[in-house]
Amino acid sequence: MLKTEDDRKRFLDMGDIWWWESNRILPISIFIGLPMREFRYCLRTIARKDTEIIFGPCISLKTIVKKRIKRRQISLVIKA
């Protein structure tokens, strides 16, 4: 659905950046940010209930909240 060959190349370059430079937990539209807005006309969102993931990472903002690292405070006390 991309309009030109140049758009296709830029879209694939952004996908390459997302794949190699992110942990693939964040969706590409959030990781890349503003440059992805020019491709809004051809992006599709699919409900997770209607899909079956066969291969590759599973991207969901819901899992980011669950995987949050708990911070612990450690204090060192020197006894005299």
C-alpha atoms as a PDB file:
ATOM      1  CA  MET A   1       0.000   0.000   0.000  1.00  0.00           C
ATOM      2  CA  LEU A   2       3.030   2.307   0.027  1.00  0.00           C
ATOM      3  CA  LYS A   3       2.783   4.962  -2.670  1.00  0.00           C
ATOM      4  CA  THR A   4       6.343   5.047  -4.035  1.00  0.00           C
ATOM      5  CA  GLU A   5       9.484   2.960  -4.087  1.00  0.00           C
ATOM      6  CA  ASP A   6      11.215   5.646  -1.990  1.00  0.00           C
ATOM      7  CA  ASP A   7       8.510   5.315   0.691  1.00  0.00           C
ATOM      8  CA  ARG A   8       9.027   1.552   0.697  1.00  0.00           C
ATOM      9  CA  LYS A   9      12.781   1.960   1.201  1.00  0.00           C
ATOM     10  CA  ARG A  10      12.330   4.457   4.079  1.00  0.00           C
ATOM     11  CA  PHE A  11       9.702   2.215   5.707  1.00  0.00           C
ATOM     12  CA  LEU A  12      12.022  -0.801   5.549  1.00  0.00           C
ATOM     13  CA  ASP A  13      14.927   1.283   6.899  1.00  0.00           C
ATOM     14  CA  MET A  14      12.807   2.272   9.907  1.00  0.00           C
ATOM     15  CA  GLY A  15      11.859  -1.364  10.426  1.00  0.00           C
ATOM     16  CA  ASP A  16      15.538  -2.289  10.324  1.00  0.00           C
ATOM     17  CA  ILE A  17      16.367   0.372  12.935  1.00  0.00           C
ATOM     18  CA  TRP A  18      13.541  -0.859  15.180  1.00  0.00           C
ATOM     19  CA  TRP A  19      14.588  -4.503  14.830  1.00  0.00           C
ATOM     20  CA  TRP A  20      18.278  -4.027  15.626  1.00  0.00           C
ATOM     21  CA  GLU A  21      18.251  -1.061  18.025  1.00  0.00           C
ATOM     22  CA  SER A  22      15.243  -1.782  20.255  1.00  0.00           C
ATOM     23  CA  ASN A  23      14.415  -4.649  22.566  1.00  0.00           C
ATOM     24  CA  ARG A  24      11.310  -5.247  20.404  1.00  0.00           C
ATOM     25  CA  ILE A  25       8.954  -4.826  23.346  1.00  0.00           C
ATOM     26  CA  LEU A  26       7.898  -1.349  22.218  1.00  0.00           C
ATOM     27  CA  PRO A  27       5.811  -1.134  19.057  1.00  0.00           C
ATOM     28  CA  ILE A  28       7.627   0.395  16.093  1.00  0.00           C
ATOM     29  CA  SER A  29       5.324   3.431  15.988  1.00  0.00           C
ATOM     30  CA  ILE A  30       6.291   4.361  19.553  1.00  0.00           C
ATOM     31  CA  PHE A  31       9.998   3.543  19.211  1.00  0.00           C
ATOM     32  CA  ILE A  32      10.493   5.459  15.946  1.00  0.00           C
ATOM     33  CA  GLY A  33       8.011   8.219  16.846  1.00  0.00           C
ATOM     34  CA  LEU A  34       7.360  11.182  14.531  1.00  0.00           C
ATOM     35  CA  PRO A  35       8.910   9.798  11.323  1.00  0.00           C
ATOM     36  CA  MET A  36       6.322   6.968  11.362  1.00  0.00           C
ATOM     37  CA  ARG A  37       3.456   9.486  11.094  1.00  0.00           C
ATOM     38  CA  GLU A  38       3.983   9.851   7.359  1.00  0.00           C
ATOM     39  CA  PHE A  39       3.022   6.171   6.963  1.00  0.00           C
ATOM     40  CA  ARG A  40      -0.250   6.371   8.912  1.00  0.00           C
ATOM     41  CA  TYR A  41      -2.241   5.924   5.707  1.00  0.00           C
ATOM     42  CA  CYS A  42      -0.940   2.396   5.199  1.00  0.00           C
ATOM     43  CA  LEU A  43      -0.552   1.093   8.788  1.00  0.00           C
ATOM     44  CA  ARG A  44      -3.034  -1.501  10.031  1.00  0.00           C
ATOM     45  CA  THR A  45      -3.881  -2.471  13.601  1.00  0.00           C
ATOM     46  CA  ILE A  46      -5.045  -6.027  14.122  1.00  0.00           C
ATOM     47  CA  ALA A  47      -6.868  -7.162  17.253  1.00  0.00           C
ATOM     48  CA  ARG A  48      -4.803  -9.697  19.144  1.00  0.00           C
ATOM     49  CA  LYS A  49      -7.815 -11.967  19.617  1.00  0.00           C
ATOM     50  CA  ASP A  50      -8.109 -12.356  15.843  1.00  0.00           C
ATOM     51  CA  THR A  51      -4.484 -13.387  15.317  1.00  0.00           C
ATOM     52  CA  GLU A  52      -2.233 -16.318  16.047  1.00  0.00           C
ATOM     53  CA  ILE A  53       1.457 -15.536  16.525  1.00  0.00           C
ATOM     54  CA  ILE A  54       3.506 -18.218  14.795  1.00  0.00           C
ATOM     55  CA  PHE A  55       6.984 -16.685  14.866  1.00  0.00           C
ATOM     56  CA  GLY A  56       8.719 -13.570  16.156  1.00  0.00           C
ATOM     57  CA  PRO A  57       8.375 -11.203  19.083  1.00  0.00           C
ATOM     58  CA  CYS A  58       5.015 -10.430  20.650  1.00  0.00           C
ATOM     59  CA  ILE A  59       4.564  -6.668  20.990  1.00  0.00           C
ATOM     60  CA  SER A  60       2.122  -5.355  23.573  1.00  0.00           C
ATOM     61  CA  LEU A  61       2.075  -2.286  25.808  1.00  0.00           C
ATOM     62  CA  LYS A  62       0.306  -4.379  28.435  1.00  0.00           C
ATOM     63  CA  THR A  63       3.396  -6.571  28.924  1.00  0.00           C
ATOM     64  CA  ILE A  64       5.640  -3.546  29.478  1.00  0.00           C
ATOM     65  CA  VAL A  65       3.783  -2.688  32.690  1.00  0.00           C
ATOM     66  CA  LYS A  66       4.059  -6.274  33.954  1.00  0.00           C
ATOM     67  CA  LYS A  67       7.789  -6.514  33.236  1.00  0.00           C
ATOM     68  CA  ARG A  68       8.664  -3.308  35.070  1.00  0.00           C
ATOM     69  CA  ILE A  69      11.716  -3.685  37.298  1.00  0.00           C
ATOM     70  CA  LYS A  70      11.078  -3.216  40.995  1.00  0.00           C
ATOM     71  CA  ARG A  71      13.549  -0.829  42.600  1.00  0.00           C
ATOM     72  CA  ARG A  72      15.008  -1.718  45.938  1.00  0.00           C
ATOM     73  CA  GLN A  73      16.725   0.621  48.294  1.00  0.00           C
ATOM     74  CA  ILE A  74      19.892  -0.638  49.942  1.00  0.00           C
ATOM     75  CA  SER A  75      21.612   1.311  52.697  1.00  0.00           C
ATOM     76  CA  LEU A  76      25.059   0.549  53.981  1.00  0.00           C
ATOM     77  CA  VAL A  77      25.635   1.123  57.678  1.00  0.00           C
ATOM     78  CA  ILE A  78      29.132   1.215  59.180  1.00  0.00           C
ATOM     79  CA  LYS A  79      29.292   0.062  62.797  1.00  0.00           C
ATOM     80  CA  ALA A  80      31.846   1.888  64.889  1.00  0.00           C
END
